[in-house]
């Protein structure tokens, strides 16, 4: 089994597996094509399922619920969301923040748009702490205002996946347009432009779900390991990382989404991905590397 996992998650397969995982997840989560016949969103039993990713409840194609929207709903009605806490905790303990790197539809969109050629810029890491502020503000204001403030006033995923489609496909919604939608539309355009020029700007600075899941990176079964003996501190891991982090500095980094690109990109074969201590992703040593390159 160990050999199979090592081969399955080898450097030859990992990038393709990651893209397949994100695209497959998008098609499963947003697979309700009945909207073509009936221009409204799915409201069947699968809406009772929520996954720790950002995908709007009201998206016409969505089968599942958004965890952030669900969290705000329970805060509004003053109930403890035991199911939501259990689901996020279970997945977090097992996989850490890996769902952000392998499953999240909004993460997929950011990765795709970043591939558009052009000048790229880096977001200062100090701004990464903003997402914790967004999480705190979302919790406090949802209780105080008795309203889903994040979804109502900010979330660009909701505007793109639900707001615009409903306005386009259901003309009866157009008279309901207000300044709030205008504000969210402008924010959506700003984020879409940022997606082209910088790595996952919404994930790094604004996503409450990422802020919650990141804490599990410290204790999750799925972990990253960096060999201090092999690592040359070249920082190529940061260059290839979609979250723009240097995994060699902290393998348990709260912003690591466990995508494995650093495993593939490391020229010194210093980075491994493990599950409960068992190696499941490791780059085979490149025979063209000099011995000094691998020894650091």
C-alpha atoms as a PDB file:
ATOM      1  CA  UNK A   1       0.000   0.000   0.000  1.00  0.00           C
ATOM      2  CA  UNK A   2       2.848   2.337   0.907  1.00  0.00           C
ATOM      3  CA  UNK A   3       4.509   1.667  -2.458  1.00  0.00           C
ATOM      4  CA  UNK A   4       1.260   2.252  -4.335  1.00  0.00           C
ATOM      5  CA  UNK A   5       0.643   5.587  -2.587  1.00  0.00           C
ATOM      6  CA  UNK A   6       4.212   6.696  -3.241  1.00  0.00           C
ATOM      7  CA  UNK A   7       3.871   5.826  -6.926  1.00  0.00           C
ATOM      8  CA  UNK A   8       0.368   7.299  -7.247  1.00  0.00           C
ATOM      9  CA  UNK A   9       1.432  10.616  -5.717  1.00  0.00           C
ATOM     10  CA  UNK A  10       4.807  10.671  -7.467  1.00  0.00           C
ATOM     11  CA  UNK A  11       6.237  13.843  -8.968  1.00  0.00           C
ATOM     12  CA  UNK A  12       5.080  12.606 -12.383  1.00  0.00           C
ATOM     13  CA  UNK A  13       1.437  12.560 -11.311  1.00  0.00           C
ATOM     14  CA  UNK A  14       1.041  15.224  -8.626  1.00  0.00           C
ATOM     15  CA  UNK A  15       0.471  18.364 -10.769  1.00  0.00           C
ATOM     16  CA  UNK A  16      -2.014  16.548 -13.001  1.00  0.00           C
ATOM     17  CA  UNK A  17      -3.769  15.041  -9.978  1.00  0.00           C
ATOM     18  CA  UNK A  18      -4.103  18.466  -8.406  1.00  0.00           C
ATOM     19  CA  UNK A  19      -5.702  19.992 -11.489  1.00  0.00           C
ATOM     20  CA  UNK A  20      -7.921  16.944 -11.942  1.00  0.00           C
ATOM     21  CA  UNK A  21      -9.019  17.151  -8.312  1.00  0.00           C
ATOM     22  CA  UNK A  22      -9.997  20.813  -8.571  1.00  0.00           C
ATOM     23  CA  UNK A  23     -11.822  20.455 -11.881  1.00  0.00           C
ATOM     24  CA  UNK A  24     -13.577  17.226 -10.848  1.00  0.00           C
ATOM     25  CA  UNK A  25     -14.668  18.803  -7.557  1.00  0.00           C
ATOM     26  CA  UNK A  26     -16.019  21.851  -9.380  1.00  0.00           C
ATOM     27  CA  UNK A  27     -18.098  19.642 -11.681  1.00  0.00           C
ATOM     28  CA  UNK A  28     -19.449  17.575  -8.784  1.00  0.00           C
ATOM     29  CA  UNK A  29     -20.236  20.523  -6.498  1.00  0.00           C
ATOM     30  CA  UNK A  30     -21.730  22.520  -9.377  1.00  0.00           C
ATOM     31  CA  UNK A  31     -23.367  19.705 -11.306  1.00  0.00           C
ATOM     32  CA  UNK A  32     -27.018  20.737 -11.281  1.00  0.00           C
ATOM     33  CA  UNK A  33     -27.672  21.273 -14.968  1.00  0.00           C
ATOM     34  CA  UNK A  34     -31.428  21.133 -14.445  1.00  0.00           C
ATOM     35  CA  UNK A  35     -31.172  24.909 -14.223  1.00  0.00           C
ATOM     36  CA  UNK A  36     -31.171  24.978 -18.022  1.00  0.00           C
ATOM     37  CA  UNK A  37     -34.834  23.925 -17.995  1.00  0.00           C
ATOM     38  CA  UNK A  38     -35.796  25.691 -14.784  1.00  0.00           C
ATOM     39  CA  UNK A  39     -33.870  28.948 -14.105  1.00  0.00           C
ATOM     40  CA  UNK A  40     -33.610  28.658 -10.331  1.00  0.00           C
ATOM     41  CA  UNK A  41     -31.106  27.144  -7.932  1.00  0.00           C
ATOM     42  CA  UNK A  42     -31.160  23.551  -6.680  1.00  0.00           C
ATOM     43  CA  UNK A  43     -33.080  23.101  -3.405  1.00  0.00           C
ATOM     44  CA  UNK A  44     -33.029  19.322  -3.013  1.00  0.00           C
ATOM     45  CA  UNK A  45     -31.721  17.137  -0.150  1.00  0.00           C
ATOM     46  CA  UNK A  46     -28.062  17.579  -1.135  1.00  0.00           C
ATOM     47  CA  UNK A  47     -28.284  21.180   0.081  1.00  0.00           C
ATOM     48  CA  UNK A  48     -27.974  19.662   3.526  1.00  0.00           C
ATOM     49  CA  UNK A  49     -24.362  18.835   2.688  1.00  0.00           C
ATOM     50  CA  UNK A  50     -21.668  21.445   3.150  1.00  0.00           C
ATOM     51  CA  UNK A  51     -17.976  21.206   2.326  1.00  0.00           C
ATOM     52  CA  UNK A  52     -15.141  23.403   3.676  1.00  0.00           C
ATOM     53  CA  UNK A  53     -14.750  25.333   0.424  1.00  0.00           C
ATOM     54  CA  UNK A  54     -16.109  28.603  -0.919  1.00  0.00           C
ATOM     55  CA  UNK A  55     -19.040  27.946  -3.249  1.00  0.00           C
ATOM     56  CA  UNK A  56     -22.257  29.945  -3.003  1.00  0.00           C
ATOM     57  CA  UNK A  57     -25.425  28.238  -1.747  1.00  0.00           C
ATOM     58  CA  UNK A  58     -27.478  30.200  -4.287  1.00  0.00           C
ATOM     59  CA  UNK A  59     -25.343  29.335  -7.304  1.00  0.00           C
ATOM     60  CA  UNK A  60     -27.810  27.895  -9.861  1.00  0.00           C
ATOM     61  CA  UNK A  61     -25.503  24.926 -10.461  1.00  0.00           C
ATOM     62  CA  UNK A  62     -24.601  24.207  -6.818  1.00  0.00           C
ATOM     63  CA  UNK A  63     -25.714  21.037  -5.085  1.00  0.00           C
ATOM     64  CA  UNK A  64     -24.159  21.851  -1.706  1.00  0.00           C
ATOM     65  CA  UNK A  65     -24.231  24.648   0.863  1.00  0.00           C
ATOM     66  CA  UNK A  66     -21.567  27.237   1.663  1.00  0.00           C
ATOM     67  CA  UNK A  67     -20.034  26.752   5.146  1.00  0.00           C
ATOM     68  CA  UNK A  68     -19.595  30.497   5.688  1.00  0.00           C
ATOM     69  CA  UNK A  69     -23.212  31.180   4.777  1.00  0.00           C
ATOM     70  CA  UNK A  70     -24.342  28.335   7.017  1.00  0.00           C
ATOM     71  CA  UNK A  71     -22.210  29.622   9.892  1.00  0.00           C
ATOM     72  CA  UNK A  72     -23.785  33.075   9.603  1.00  0.00           C
ATOM     73  CA  UNK A  73     -27.269  31.549   9.521  1.00  0.00           C
ATOM     74  CA  UNK A  74     -26.696  29.744  12.822  1.00  0.00           C
ATOM     75  CA  UNK A  75     -25.183  32.876  14.353  1.00  0.00           C
ATOM     76  CA  UNK A  76     -28.288  34.834  13.347  1.00  0.00           C
ATOM     77  CA  UNK A  77     -30.676  32.375  14.999  1.00  0.00           C
ATOM     78  CA  UNK A  78     -28.400  31.962  18.041  1.00  0.00           C
ATOM     79  CA  UNK A  79     -27.825  28.224  17.686  1.00  0.00           C
ATOM     80  CA  UNK A  80     -24.584  26.258  17.910  1.00  0.00           C
ATOM     81  CA  UNK A  81     -23.835  24.670  14.489  1.00  0.00           C
ATOM     82  CA  UNK A  82     -22.719  21.275  15.802  1.00  0.00           C
ATOM     83  CA  UNK A  83     -22.826  19.643  12.368  1.00  0.00           C
ATOM     84  CA  UNK A  84     -20.773  22.416  10.792  1.00  0.00           C
ATOM     85  CA  UNK A  85     -18.213  22.409  13.602  1.00  0.00           C
ATOM     86  CA  UNK A  86     -17.924  18.622  13.417  1.00  0.00           C
ATOM     87  CA  UNK A  87     -17.551  18.565   9.644  1.00  0.00           C
ATOM     88  CA  UNK A  88     -14.902  21.286   9.525  1.00  0.00           C
ATOM     89  CA  UNK A  89     -13.014  19.842  12.495  1.00  0.00           C
ATOM     90  CA  UNK A  90     -12.982  16.311  11.090  1.00  0.00           C
ATOM     91  CA  UNK A  91     -11.781  17.341   7.653  1.00  0.00           C
ATOM     92  CA  UNK A  92      -9.344  19.828   9.178  1.00  0.00           C
ATOM     93  CA  UNK A  93      -7.771  17.264  11.514  1.00  0.00           C
ATOM     94  CA  UNK A  94      -7.353  14.793   8.663  1.00  0.00           C
ATOM     95  CA  UNK A  95      -6.339  17.036   5.768  1.00  0.00           C
ATOM     96  CA  UNK A  96      -5.533  20.452   7.214  1.00  0.00           C
ATOM     97  CA  UNK A  97      -6.162  23.127   4.602  1.00  0.00           C
ATOM     98  CA  UNK A  98      -5.879  20.690   1.687  1.00  0.00           C
ATOM     99  CA  UNK A  99      -9.481  21.223   0.560  1.00  0.00           C
ATOM    100  CA  UNK A 100      -8.475  24.775  -0.379  1.00  0.00           C
ATOM    101  CA  UNK A 101      -5.781  23.403  -2.680  1.00  0.00           C
ATOM    102  CA  UNK A 102      -7.590  20.373  -4.088  1.00  0.00           C
ATOM    103  CA  UNK A 103     -11.357  20.988  -3.937  1.00  0.00           C
ATOM    104  CA  UNK A 104     -12.315  24.684  -3.717  1.00  0.00           C
ATOM    105  CA  UNK A 105     -14.002  26.016  -6.908  1.00  0.00           C
ATOM    106  CA  UNK A 106     -13.059  29.615  -6.123  1.00  0.00           C
ATOM    107  CA  UNK A 107      -9.451  28.559  -5.648  1.00  0.00           C
ATOM    108  CA  UNK A 108      -9.591  26.880  -9.051  1.00  0.00           C
ATOM    109  CA  UNK A 109     -10.775  30.130 -10.648  1.00  0.00           C
ATOM    110  CA  UNK A 110      -7.868  32.039  -9.108  1.00  0.00           C
ATOM    111  CA  UNK A 111      -5.337  29.454 -10.288  1.00  0.00           C
ATOM    112  CA  UNK A 112      -6.728  29.568 -13.836  1.00  0.00           C
ATOM    113  CA  UNK A 113      -6.752  33.370 -14.114  1.00  0.00           C
ATOM    114  CA  UNK A 114      -3.221  33.620 -12.700  1.00  0.00           C
ATOM    115  CA  UNK A 115      -2.034  31.629 -15.721  1.00  0.00           C
ATOM    116  CA  UNK A 116      -2.890  34.573 -17.986  1.00  0.00           C
ATOM    117  CA  UNK A 117       0.466  36.019 -19.118  1.00  0.00           C
ATOM    118  CA  UNK A 118       1.458  39.411 -17.781  1.00  0.00           C
ATOM    119  CA  UNK A 119       3.293  41.227 -15.032  1.00  0.00           C
ATOM    120  CA  UNK A 120       2.893  39.517 -11.674  1.00  0.00           C
ATOM    121  CA  UNK A 121       3.106  41.117  -8.228  1.00  0.00           C
ATOM    122  CA  UNK A 122       3.395  39.725  -4.713  1.00  0.00           C
ATOM    123  CA  UNK A 123       1.061  40.530  -1.843  1.00  0.00           C
ATOM    124  CA  UNK A 124       2.903  41.593   1.342  1.00  0.00           C
ATOM    125  CA  UNK A 125       2.597  38.789   3.873  1.00  0.00           C
ATOM    126  CA  UNK A 126       1.373  41.236   6.511  1.00  0.00           C
ATOM    127  CA  UNK A 127      -1.872  41.469   4.543  1.00  0.00           C
ATOM    128  CA  UNK A 128      -2.411  37.726   4.999  1.00  0.00           C
ATOM    129  CA  UNK A 129      -3.653  38.468   8.524  1.00  0.00           C
ATOM    130  CA  UNK A 130      -6.628  40.351   7.074  1.00  0.00           C
ATOM    131  CA  UNK A 131      -8.558  37.116   6.615  1.00  0.00           C
ATOM    132  CA  UNK A 132      -8.603  36.594  10.378  1.00  0.00           C
ATOM    133  CA  UNK A 133     -10.064  40.074  10.730  1.00  0.00           C
ATOM    134  CA  UNK A 134     -12.701  39.194   8.124  1.00  0.00           C
ATOM    135  CA  UNK A 135     -13.567  36.064  10.096  1.00  0.00           C
ATOM    136  CA  UNK A 136     -13.867  37.992  13.363  1.00  0.00           C
ATOM    137  CA  UNK A 137     -15.933  40.783  11.791  1.00  0.00           C
ATOM    138  CA  UNK A 138     -18.175  38.214  10.089  1.00  0.00           C
ATOM    139  CA  UNK A 139     -18.897  36.495  13.401  1.00  0.00           C
ATOM    140  CA  UNK A 140     -19.453  39.688  15.410  1.00  0.00           C
ATOM    141  CA  UNK A 141     -21.593  41.511  12.838  1.00  0.00           C
ATOM    142  CA  UNK A 142     -23.660  38.436  11.984  1.00  0.00           C
ATOM    143  CA  UNK A 143     -24.668  38.233  15.646  1.00  0.00           C
ATOM    144  CA  UNK A 144     -25.116  41.979  16.122  1.00  0.00           C
ATOM    145  CA  UNK A 145     -26.908  42.787  12.854  1.00  0.00           C
ATOM    146  CA  UNK A 146     -28.730  39.434  12.613  1.00  0.00           C
ATOM    147  CA  UNK A 147     -27.668  39.315   8.978  1.00  0.00           C
ATOM    148  CA  UNK A 148     -25.240  37.306   6.798  1.00  0.00           C
ATOM    149  CA  UNK A 149     -22.930  40.307   6.452  1.00  0.00           C
ATOM    150  CA  UNK A 150     -20.095  38.547   4.616  1.00  0.00           C
ATOM    151  CA  UNK A 151     -22.396  37.107   1.974  1.00  0.00           C
ATOM    152  CA  UNK A 152     -24.600  40.199   1.763  1.00  0.00           C
ATOM    153  CA  UNK A 153     -21.992  42.946   1.538  1.00  0.00           C
ATOM    154  CA  UNK A 154     -18.704  41.419   0.415  1.00  0.00           C
ATOM    155  CA  UNK A 155     -18.362  37.884  -0.943  1.00  0.00           C
ATOM    156  CA  UNK A 156     -17.159  38.070  -4.591  1.00  0.00           C
ATOM    157  CA  UNK A 157     -17.811  34.348  -5.036  1.00  0.00           C
ATOM    158  CA  UNK A 158     -21.490  34.890  -4.284  1.00  0.00           C
ATOM    159  CA  UNK A 159     -21.705  37.777  -6.742  1.00  0.00           C
ATOM    160  CA  UNK A 160     -20.039  35.789  -9.520  1.00  0.00           C
ATOM    161  CA  UNK A 161     -21.685  32.431  -8.909  1.00  0.00           C
ATOM    162  CA  UNK A 162     -25.171  33.521  -7.833  1.00  0.00           C
ATOM    163  CA  UNK A 163     -25.870  37.244  -8.156  1.00  0.00           C
ATOM    164  CA  UNK A 164     -24.974  37.658 -11.824  1.00  0.00           C
ATOM    165  CA  UNK A 165     -26.518  34.364 -13.043  1.00  0.00           C
ATOM    166  CA  UNK A 166     -29.828  35.102 -11.325  1.00  0.00           C
ATOM    167  CA  UNK A 167     -29.978  38.582 -12.822  1.00  0.00           C
ATOM    168  CA  UNK A 168     -29.154  37.254 -16.287  1.00  0.00           C
ATOM    169  CA  UNK A 169     -31.433  34.198 -16.222  1.00  0.00           C
ATOM    170  CA  UNK A 170     -34.286  35.510 -14.073  1.00  0.00           C
ATOM    171  CA  UNK A 171     -35.394  39.019 -15.133  1.00  0.00           C
ATOM    172  CA  UNK A 172     -37.806  39.205 -12.184  1.00  0.00           C
ATOM    173  CA  UNK A 173     -34.789  39.717  -9.908  1.00  0.00           C
ATOM    174  CA  UNK A 174     -33.550  42.824 -11.737  1.00  0.00           C
ATOM    175  CA  UNK A 175     -35.876  45.326 -10.007  1.00  0.00           C
ATOM    176  CA  UNK A 176     -34.331  44.197  -6.707  1.00  0.00           C
ATOM    177  CA  UNK A 177     -30.905  45.554  -7.657  1.00  0.00           C
ATOM    178  CA  UNK A 178     -29.599  48.030  -5.074  1.00  0.00           C
ATOM    179  CA  UNK A 179     -26.405  49.875  -4.193  1.00  0.00           C
ATOM    180  CA  UNK A 180     -25.357  46.774  -2.261  1.00  0.00           C
ATOM    181  CA  UNK A 181     -25.200  44.734  -5.437  1.00  0.00           C
ATOM    182  CA  UNK A 182     -23.347  47.588  -7.141  1.00  0.00           C
ATOM    183  CA  UNK A 183     -20.760  47.581  -4.366  1.00  0.00           C
ATOM    184  CA  UNK A 184     -20.362  43.813  -4.539  1.00  0.00           C
ATOM    185  CA  UNK A 185     -20.082  43.959  -8.322  1.00  0.00           C
ATOM    186  CA  UNK A 186     -17.220  46.468  -8.097  1.00  0.00           C
ATOM    187  CA  UNK A 187     -15.480  44.302  -5.478  1.00  0.00           C
ATOM    188  CA  UNK A 188     -15.896  41.266  -7.724  1.00  0.00           C
ATOM    189  CA  UNK A 189     -14.299  43.063 -10.681  1.00  0.00           C
ATOM    190  CA  UNK A 190     -11.394  44.204  -8.496  1.00  0.00           C
ATOM    191  CA  UNK A 191     -10.783  40.659  -7.290  1.00  0.00           C
ATOM    192  CA  UNK A 192     -11.040  39.189 -10.795  1.00  0.00           C
ATOM    193  CA  UNK A 193      -8.360  41.620 -11.959  1.00  0.00           C
ATOM    194  CA  UNK A 194      -6.202  40.794  -8.950  1.00  0.00           C
ATOM    195  CA  UNK A 195      -6.515  37.088  -9.762  1.00  0.00           C
ATOM    196  CA  UNK A 196      -4.614  37.745 -12.997  1.00  0.00           C
ATOM    197  CA  UNK A 197      -1.736  39.627 -11.400  1.00  0.00           C
ATOM    198  CA  UNK A 198      -1.156  37.958  -8.039  1.00  0.00           C
ATOM    199  CA  UNK A 199      -1.418  34.512  -6.471  1.00  0.00           C
ATOM    200  CA  UNK A 200      -4.763  33.654  -4.877  1.00  0.00           C
ATOM    201  CA  UNK A 201      -5.385  37.139  -3.423  1.00  0.00           C
ATOM    202  CA  UNK A 202      -8.791  36.214  -2.029  1.00  0.00           C
ATOM    203  CA  UNK A 203      -7.443  33.099  -0.314  1.00  0.00           C
ATOM    204  CA  UNK A 204      -4.480  34.904   1.205  1.00  0.00           C
ATOM    205  CA  UNK A 205      -6.222  38.057   2.432  1.00  0.00           C
ATOM    206  CA  UNK A 206      -9.988  37.608   2.655  1.00  0.00           C
ATOM    207  CA  UNK A 207     -11.278  34.037   2.984  1.00  0.00           C
ATOM    208  CA  UNK A 208     -12.836  33.178   6.374  1.00  0.00           C
ATOM    209  CA  UNK A 209     -12.864  29.479   5.468  1.00  0.00           C
ATOM    210  CA  UNK A 210      -9.119  29.514   4.914  1.00  0.00           C
ATOM    211  CA  UNK A 211      -8.648  31.330   8.209  1.00  0.00           C
ATOM    212  CA  UNK A 212     -10.525  28.545  10.003  1.00  0.00           C
ATOM    213  CA  UNK A 213      -8.870  25.611   8.232  1.00  0.00           C
ATOM    214  CA  UNK A 214      -5.351  27.029   8.461  1.00  0.00           C
ATOM    215  CA  UNK A 215      -5.185  26.396  12.189  1.00  0.00           C
ATOM    216  CA  UNK A 216      -5.522  22.655  11.584  1.00  0.00           C
ATOM    217  CA  UNK A 217      -2.247  22.615   9.626  1.00  0.00           C
ATOM    218  CA  UNK A 218      -0.458  22.371  12.965  1.00  0.00           C
ATOM    219  CA  UNK A 219      -2.096  19.064  13.912  1.00  0.00           C
ATOM    220  CA  UNK A 220      -3.483  17.447  10.744  1.00  0.00           C
ATOM    221  CA  UNK A 221      -2.629  13.920   9.622  1.00  0.00           C
ATOM    222  CA  UNK A 222      -1.547  15.338   6.250  1.00  0.00           C
ATOM    223  CA  UNK A 223       1.726  17.185   6.739  1.00  0.00           C
ATOM    224  CA  UNK A 224       4.607  18.725   4.850  1.00  0.00           C
ATOM    225  CA  UNK A 225       8.180  17.906   5.858  1.00  0.00           C
ATOM    226  CA  UNK A 226      11.380  19.669   4.822  1.00  0.00           C
ATOM    227  CA  UNK A 227      14.804  18.066   5.208  1.00  0.00           C
ATOM    228  CA  UNK A 228      17.120  20.578   6.875  1.00  0.00           C
ATOM    229  CA  UNK A 229      20.027  18.505   5.536  1.00  0.00           C
ATOM    230  CA  UNK A 230      18.945  18.733   1.900  1.00  0.00           C
ATOM    231  CA  UNK A 231      17.318  22.188   1.835  1.00  0.00           C
ATOM    232  CA  UNK A 232      19.501  24.869   0.227  1.00  0.00           C
ATOM    233  CA  UNK A 233      17.112  27.718   1.125  1.00  0.00           C
ATOM    234  CA  UNK A 234      16.890  28.656  -2.546  1.00  0.00           C
ATOM    235  CA  UNK A 235      13.237  29.696  -1.997  1.00  0.00           C
ATOM    236  CA  UNK A 236      12.065  28.052  -5.212  1.00  0.00           C
ATOM    237  CA  UNK A 237       9.277  26.555  -3.101  1.00  0.00           C
ATOM    238  CA  UNK A 238       7.893  30.064  -2.688  1.00  0.00           C
ATOM    239  CA  UNK A 239       8.183  30.731  -6.409  1.00  0.00           C
ATOM    240  CA  UNK A 240       6.013  27.733  -7.293  1.00  0.00           C
ATOM    241  CA  UNK A 241       3.630  28.037  -4.319  1.00  0.00           C
ATOM    242  CA  UNK A 242       0.107  29.321  -5.185  1.00  0.00           C
ATOM    243  CA  UNK A 243      -0.031  30.908  -1.716  1.00  0.00           C
ATOM    244  CA  UNK A 244       3.442  32.456  -2.112  1.00  0.00           C
ATOM    245  CA  UNK A 245       4.873  30.963   1.089  1.00  0.00           C
ATOM    246  CA  UNK A 246       8.345  29.592   1.833  1.00  0.00           C
ATOM    247  CA  UNK A 247       7.525  26.135   3.152  1.00  0.00           C
ATOM    248  CA  UNK A 248      11.137  25.538   4.214  1.00  0.00           C
ATOM    249  CA  UNK A 249      10.739  28.221   6.878  1.00  0.00           C
ATOM    250  CA  UNK A 250       7.683  26.568   8.433  1.00  0.00           C
ATOM    251  CA  UNK A 251       6.334  23.237   7.098  1.00  0.00           C
ATOM    252  CA  UNK A 252       3.227  23.736   9.267  1.00  0.00           C
ATOM    253  CA  UNK A 253       2.533  27.200   7.830  1.00  0.00           C
ATOM    254  CA  UNK A 254      -1.081  28.265   8.420  1.00  0.00           C
ATOM    255  CA  UNK A 255      -1.400  29.286   4.765  1.00  0.00           C
ATOM    256  CA  UNK A 256      -0.170  26.017   3.211  1.00  0.00           C
ATOM    257  CA  UNK A 257      -2.935  24.439   1.115  1.00  0.00           C
ATOM    258  CA  UNK A 258      -1.119  21.099   0.686  1.00  0.00           C
ATOM    259  CA  UNK A 259      -1.204  21.258  -3.123  1.00  0.00           C
ATOM    260  CA  UNK A 260       2.223  19.630  -3.432  1.00  0.00           C
ATOM    261  CA  UNK A 261       3.701  22.034  -5.953  1.00  0.00           C
ATOM    262  CA  UNK A 262       6.693  22.627  -3.704  1.00  0.00           C
ATOM    263  CA  UNK A 263       7.331  18.868  -3.643  1.00  0.00           C
ATOM    264  CA  UNK A 264       7.557  18.910  -7.420  1.00  0.00           C
ATOM    265  CA  UNK A 265       9.426  22.208  -7.664  1.00  0.00           C
ATOM    266  CA  UNK A 266      12.169  21.590  -5.086  1.00  0.00           C
ATOM    267  CA  UNK A 267      15.442  20.980  -6.981  1.00  0.00           C
ATOM    268  CA  UNK A 268      17.095  19.499  -3.879  1.00  0.00           C
ATOM    269  CA  UNK A 269      14.452  16.825  -3.206  1.00  0.00           C
ATOM    270  CA  UNK A 270      14.066  18.272   0.282  1.00  0.00           C
ATOM    271  CA  UNK A 271      10.257  18.384   0.595  1.00  0.00           C
ATOM    272  CA  UNK A 272       7.885  15.509   1.297  1.00  0.00           C
ATOM    273  CA  UNK A 273       4.175  15.149   1.937  1.00  0.00           C
ATOM    274  CA  UNK A 274       3.191  12.607   4.582  1.00  0.00           C
ATOM    275  CA  UNK A 275      -0.022  11.169   5.979  1.00  0.00           C
ATOM    276  CA  UNK A 276       0.325  10.124   9.612  1.00  0.00           C
ATOM    277  CA  UNK A 277       4.056   9.847   9.113  1.00  0.00           C
ATOM    278  CA  UNK A 278       3.887   7.782   5.906  1.00  0.00           C
ATOM    279  CA  UNK A 279       5.385   9.405   2.816  1.00  0.00           C
ATOM    280  CA  UNK A 280       2.778   9.784   0.090  1.00  0.00           C
ATOM    281  CA  UNK A 281       4.433  12.389  -2.122  1.00  0.00           C
ATOM    282  CA  UNK A 282       8.141  12.726  -2.681  1.00  0.00           C
ATOM    283  CA  UNK A 283      10.150  13.989  -5.616  1.00  0.00           C
ATOM    284  CA  UNK A 284      12.550  11.398  -6.980  1.00  0.00           C
ATOM    285  CA  UNK A 285      16.141  12.605  -6.868  1.00  0.00           C
ATOM    286  CA  UNK A 286      17.085  14.270 -10.123  1.00  0.00           C
ATOM    287  CA  UNK A 287      20.302  12.585 -11.297  1.00  0.00           C
ATOM    288  CA  UNK A 288      21.438  15.797 -12.975  1.00  0.00           C
ATOM    289  CA  UNK A 289      21.659  17.623  -9.649  1.00  0.00           C
ATOM    290  CA  UNK A 290      25.093  18.032  -8.175  1.00  0.00           C
ATOM    291  CA  UNK A 291      25.770  16.383  -4.848  1.00  0.00           C
ATOM    292  CA  UNK A 292      26.414  19.790  -3.280  1.00  0.00           C
ATOM    293  CA  UNK A 293      22.971  20.963  -4.423  1.00  0.00           C
ATOM    294  CA  UNK A 294      21.211  18.218  -2.469  1.00  0.00           C
ATOM    295  CA  UNK A 295      23.339  18.527   0.636  1.00  0.00           C
ATOM    296  CA  UNK A 296      22.916  22.281   1.105  1.00  0.00           C
END
